[in-house]
Amino acid sequence: MNKLGMKFMLSAAFYGLIAMSVGVYMAATSDYLFKAAHGHLNLLGWVTMSIFGIVYFVLPDLASTKLAKLHFYCAHVAVLFLSGGMAIFVLFGSTNVAKVGAVFAISSMLLFLYGLIKYGSTKTSFSQSSAIDSKQPISE
């Protein structure tokens, strides 16, 4: 797996672990005050970051661009500010942090879409990536 794909997958696992921990806490205490933050952390942090990581693995030409690196940081800001902003809203009533997170979430997706359009149609495909090498035996 290329470095950027792995960074996205590790980030996804980290966010997923935090989100699951929040979910366990909510279930154990019957306190669902942070359900919106929990949901956004799961969807943006775990699910979306995983999808980004898989796509960058399948399209290594896209992963090697400066645009993809910018996308990585923009996606992190989106997850942290949107999820954190939901918690801040519950505690303090302010939506400012969540609004910044929402702008970064949309920006992150636009960067991703632009990268797919510009670099996603290169000759590199999943069957040509390092994931499949018919000469390599499958190890257990």
C-alpha atoms as a PDB file:
ATOM      1  CA  MET A   1       0.000   0.000   0.000  1.00  0.00           C
ATOM      2  CA  ASN A   2       1.298   3.469  -0.819  1.00  0.00           C
ATOM      3  CA  LYS A   3       2.089   5.852   2.031  1.00  0.00           C
ATOM      4  CA  LEU A   4      -0.883   8.146   1.571  1.00  0.00           C
ATOM      5  CA  GLY A   5      -3.355   5.284   1.372  1.00  0.00           C
ATOM      6  CA  MET A   6      -1.859   3.844   4.562  1.00  0.00           C
ATOM      7  CA  LYS A   7      -2.018   7.228   6.320  1.00  0.00           C
ATOM      8  CA  PHE A   8      -5.707   7.510   5.482  1.00  0.00           C
ATOM      9  CA  MET A   9      -6.375   3.948   6.679  1.00  0.00           C
ATOM     10  CA  LEU A  10      -4.473   4.457   9.946  1.00  0.00           C
ATOM     11  CA  SER A  11      -6.333   7.711  10.514  1.00  0.00           C
ATOM     12  CA  ALA A  12      -9.625   5.961   9.812  1.00  0.00           C
ATOM     13  CA  ALA A  13      -8.831   3.239  12.338  1.00  0.00           C
ATOM     14  CA  PHE A  14      -7.877   5.860  14.933  1.00  0.00           C
ATOM     15  CA  TYR A  15     -11.068   7.858  14.396  1.00  0.00           C
ATOM     16  CA  GLY A  16     -13.103   4.650  14.373  1.00  0.00           C
ATOM     17  CA  LEU A  17     -11.623   3.610  17.709  1.00  0.00           C
ATOM     18  CA  ILE A  18     -12.445   6.985  19.253  1.00  0.00           C
ATOM     19  CA  ALA A  19     -15.978   6.925  17.821  1.00  0.00           C
ATOM     20  CA  MET A  20     -16.593   3.394  19.081  1.00  0.00           C
ATOM     21  CA  SER A  21     -15.309   4.374  22.514  1.00  0.00           C
ATOM     22  CA  VAL A  22     -17.741   7.296  22.591  1.00  0.00           C
ATOM     23  CA  GLY A  23     -20.508   4.915  21.509  1.00  0.00           C
ATOM     24  CA  VAL A  24     -19.675   2.451  24.277  1.00  0.00           C
ATOM     25  CA  TYR A  25     -19.640   5.308  26.796  1.00  0.00           C
ATOM     26  CA  MET A  26     -23.029   6.536  25.606  1.00  0.00           C
ATOM     27  CA  ALA A  27     -24.523   3.050  25.803  1.00  0.00           C
ATOM     28  CA  ALA A  28     -23.029   2.322  29.230  1.00  0.00           C
ATOM     29  CA  THR A  29     -24.239   5.584  30.756  1.00  0.00           C
ATOM     30  CA  SER A  30     -27.456   6.046  28.743  1.00  0.00           C
ATOM     31  CA  ASP A  31     -26.168   9.559  28.069  1.00  0.00           C
ATOM     32  CA  TYR A  32     -26.635  10.338  24.381  1.00  0.00           C
ATOM     33  CA  LEU A  33     -25.742  14.007  24.570  1.00  0.00           C
ATOM     34  CA  PHE A  34     -22.876  13.626  22.082  1.00  0.00           C
ATOM     35  CA  LYS A  35     -24.692  11.471  19.525  1.00  0.00           C
ATOM     36  CA  ALA A  36     -24.195  14.026  16.720  1.00  0.00           C
ATOM     37  CA  ALA A  37     -20.449  14.236  17.390  1.00  0.00           C
ATOM     38  CA  HIS A  38     -20.319  10.432  17.575  1.00  0.00           C
ATOM     39  CA  GLY A  39     -22.164  10.088  14.260  1.00  0.00           C
ATOM     40  CA  HIS A  40     -19.983  12.602  12.444  1.00  0.00           C
ATOM     41  CA  LEU A  41     -16.823  11.024  13.828  1.00  0.00           C
ATOM     42  CA  ASN A  42     -17.973   7.623  12.565  1.00  0.00           C
ATOM     43  CA  LEU A  43     -19.054   8.811   9.123  1.00  0.00           C
ATOM     44  CA  LEU A  44     -16.328  11.335   8.375  1.00  0.00           C
ATOM     45  CA  GLY A  45     -13.554   9.803  10.450  1.00  0.00           C
ATOM     46  CA  TRP A  46     -14.007   6.078  10.053  1.00  0.00           C
ATOM     47  CA  VAL A  47     -16.046   5.536   6.887  1.00  0.00           C
ATOM     48  CA  THR A  48     -14.998   8.437   4.654  1.00  0.00           C
ATOM     49  CA  MET A  49     -11.303   8.283   5.563  1.00  0.00           C
ATOM     50  CA  SER A  50     -11.372   4.522   4.853  1.00  0.00           C
ATOM     51  CA  ILE A  51     -12.891   5.121   1.433  1.00  0.00           C
ATOM     52  CA  PHE A  52     -10.267   7.764   0.674  1.00  0.00           C
ATOM     53  CA  GLY A  53      -7.512   5.344   1.736  1.00  0.00           C
ATOM     54  CA  ILE A  54      -8.833   2.559  -0.477  1.00  0.00           C
ATOM     55  CA  VAL A  55      -9.152   4.877  -3.474  1.00  0.00           C
ATOM     56  CA  TYR A  56      -5.605   6.166  -3.023  1.00  0.00           C
ATOM     57  CA  PHE A  57      -4.419   2.563  -2.788  1.00  0.00           C
ATOM     58  CA  VAL A  58      -6.206   1.641  -6.006  1.00  0.00           C
ATOM     59  CA  LEU A  59      -5.036   4.827  -7.791  1.00  0.00           C
ATOM     60  CA  PRO A  60      -1.387   5.293  -6.779  1.00  0.00           C
ATOM     61  CA  ASP A  61      -0.862   7.974  -9.455  1.00  0.00           C
ATOM     62  CA  LEU A  62      -3.474  10.088  -7.705  1.00  0.00           C
ATOM     63  CA  ALA A  63      -1.914   9.385  -4.293  1.00  0.00           C
ATOM     64  CA  SER A  64       1.453  10.751  -5.397  1.00  0.00           C
ATOM     65  CA  THR A  65       0.134  14.249  -6.171  1.00  0.00           C
ATOM     66  CA  LYS A  66       0.433  17.390  -4.050  1.00  0.00           C
ATOM     67  CA  LEU A  67      -3.330  17.707  -4.369  1.00  0.00           C
ATOM     68  CA  ALA A  68      -3.775  14.377  -2.568  1.00  0.00           C
ATOM     69  CA  LYS A  69      -1.493  15.477   0.257  1.00  0.00           C
ATOM     70  CA  LEU A  70      -3.477  18.704   0.616  1.00  0.00           C
ATOM     71  CA  HIS A  71      -6.637  16.607   0.632  1.00  0.00           C
ATOM     72  CA  PHE A  72      -5.260  14.528   3.522  1.00  0.00           C
ATOM     73  CA  TYR A  73      -4.793  17.561   5.767  1.00  0.00           C
ATOM     74  CA  CYS A  74      -8.052  19.172   4.705  1.00  0.00           C
ATOM     75  CA  ALA A  75      -9.936  15.957   5.514  1.00  0.00           C
ATOM     76  CA  HIS A  76      -8.401  15.846   9.006  1.00  0.00           C
ATOM     77  CA  VAL A  77      -9.407  19.429   9.727  1.00  0.00           C
ATOM     78  CA  ALA A  78     -12.920  18.561   8.561  1.00  0.00           C
ATOM     79  CA  VAL A  79     -13.207  15.547  10.867  1.00  0.00           C
ATOM     80  CA  LEU A  80     -11.793  17.314  13.904  1.00  0.00           C
ATOM     81  CA  PHE A  81     -13.655  20.590  13.509  1.00  0.00           C
ATOM     82  CA  LEU A  82     -17.006  19.133  12.465  1.00  0.00           C
ATOM     83  CA  SER A  83     -17.085  16.384  15.100  1.00  0.00           C
ATOM     84  CA  GLY A  84     -15.563  18.610  17.754  1.00  0.00           C
ATOM     85  CA  GLY A  85     -17.850  21.428  16.718  1.00  0.00           C
ATOM     86  CA  MET A  86     -20.872  19.226  17.350  1.00  0.00           C
ATOM     87  CA  ALA A  87     -19.639  18.592  20.892  1.00  0.00           C
ATOM     88  CA  ILE A  88     -18.936  22.301  21.392  1.00  0.00           C
ATOM     89  CA  PHE A  89     -22.455  23.099  20.219  1.00  0.00           C
ATOM     90  CA  VAL A  90     -23.953  20.728  22.782  1.00  0.00           C
ATOM     91  CA  LEU A  91     -21.819  22.148  25.596  1.00  0.00           C
ATOM     92  CA  PHE A  92     -21.769  25.852  24.753  1.00  0.00           C
ATOM     93  CA  GLY A  93     -24.396  26.470  22.072  1.00  0.00           C
ATOM     94  CA  SER A  94     -21.920  27.818  19.512  1.00  0.00           C
ATOM     95  CA  THR A  95     -21.959  26.492  15.955  1.00  0.00           C
ATOM     96  CA  ASN A  96     -18.880  28.405  14.747  1.00  0.00           C
ATOM     97  CA  VAL A  97     -16.426  25.498  14.993  1.00  0.00           C
ATOM     98  CA  ALA A  98     -18.871  23.120  13.287  1.00  0.00           C
ATOM     99  CA  LYS A  99     -19.374  25.643  10.480  1.00  0.00           C
ATOM    100  CA  VAL A 100     -15.619  25.787   9.871  1.00  0.00           C
ATOM    101  CA  GLY A 101     -15.576  21.984   9.876  1.00  0.00           C
ATOM    102  CA  ALA A 102     -18.408  21.877   7.354  1.00  0.00           C
ATOM    103  CA  VAL A 103     -16.507  24.207   5.010  1.00  0.00           C
ATOM    104  CA  PHE A 104     -13.446  21.961   5.276  1.00  0.00           C
ATOM    105  CA  ALA A 105     -15.582  18.838   4.711  1.00  0.00           C
ATOM    106  CA  ILE A 106     -16.984  20.249   1.484  1.00  0.00           C
ATOM    107  CA  SER A 107     -13.541  21.510   0.450  1.00  0.00           C
ATOM    108  CA  SER A 108     -12.056  18.098   1.155  1.00  0.00           C
ATOM    109  CA  MET A 109     -14.635  16.377  -1.030  1.00  0.00           C
ATOM    110  CA  LEU A 110     -14.136  18.929  -3.811  1.00  0.00           C
ATOM    111  CA  LEU A 111     -10.364  18.313  -3.722  1.00  0.00           C
ATOM    112  CA  PHE A 112     -11.014  14.577  -3.878  1.00  0.00           C
ATOM    113  CA  LEU A 113     -13.459  14.919  -6.766  1.00  0.00           C
ATOM    114  CA  TYR A 114     -11.088  17.187  -8.682  1.00  0.00           C
ATOM    115  CA  GLY A 115      -8.243  14.722  -8.146  1.00  0.00           C
ATOM    116  CA  LEU A 116     -10.362  11.828  -9.385  1.00  0.00           C
ATOM    117  CA  ILE A 117     -11.346  13.741 -12.502  1.00  0.00           C
ATOM    118  CA  LYS A 118      -7.830  14.959 -13.234  1.00  0.00           C
ATOM    119  CA  TYR A 119      -5.718  11.936 -12.247  1.00  0.00           C
ATOM    120  CA  GLY A 120      -8.155   9.048 -11.823  1.00  0.00           C
ATOM    121  CA  SER A 121      -8.371   8.145 -15.490  1.00  0.00           C
ATOM    122  CA  THR A 122      -4.666   7.398 -15.913  1.00  0.00           C
ATOM    123  CA  LYS A 123      -3.516   3.991 -17.102  1.00  0.00           C
ATOM    124  CA  THR A 124      -3.031   2.747 -13.548  1.00  0.00           C
ATOM    125  CA  SER A 125      -5.880   0.544 -12.453  1.00  0.00           C
ATOM    126  CA  PHE A 126      -6.465  -1.834  -9.588  1.00  0.00           C
ATOM    127  CA  SER A 127      -5.249  -4.813 -11.595  1.00  0.00           C
ATOM    128  CA  GLN A 128      -2.014  -2.967 -12.358  1.00  0.00           C
ATOM    129  CA  SER A 129      -1.424  -1.783  -8.797  1.00  0.00           C
ATOM    130  CA  SER A 130       0.816  -3.532  -6.319  1.00  0.00           C
ATOM    131  CA  ALA A 131      -2.241  -5.216  -4.801  1.00  0.00           C
ATOM    132  CA  ILE A 132      -2.329  -7.947  -7.415  1.00  0.00           C
ATOM    133  CA  ASP A 133       0.725  -9.702  -8.710  1.00  0.00           C
ATOM    134  CA  SER A 134      -0.128 -13.047 -10.265  1.00  0.00           C
ATOM    135  CA  LYS A 135       3.480 -14.234  -9.860  1.00  0.00           C
ATOM    136  CA  GLN A 136       3.370 -13.816  -6.084  1.00  0.00           C
ATOM    137  CA  PRO A 137       1.994 -16.737  -4.061  1.00  0.00           C
ATOM    138  CA  ILE A 138      -0.685 -15.952  -1.537  1.00  0.00           C
ATOM    139  CA  SER A 139       0.876 -16.124   1.898  1.00  0.00           C
ATOM    140  CA  GLU A 140      -0.998 -16.813   5.094  1.00  0.00           C
END
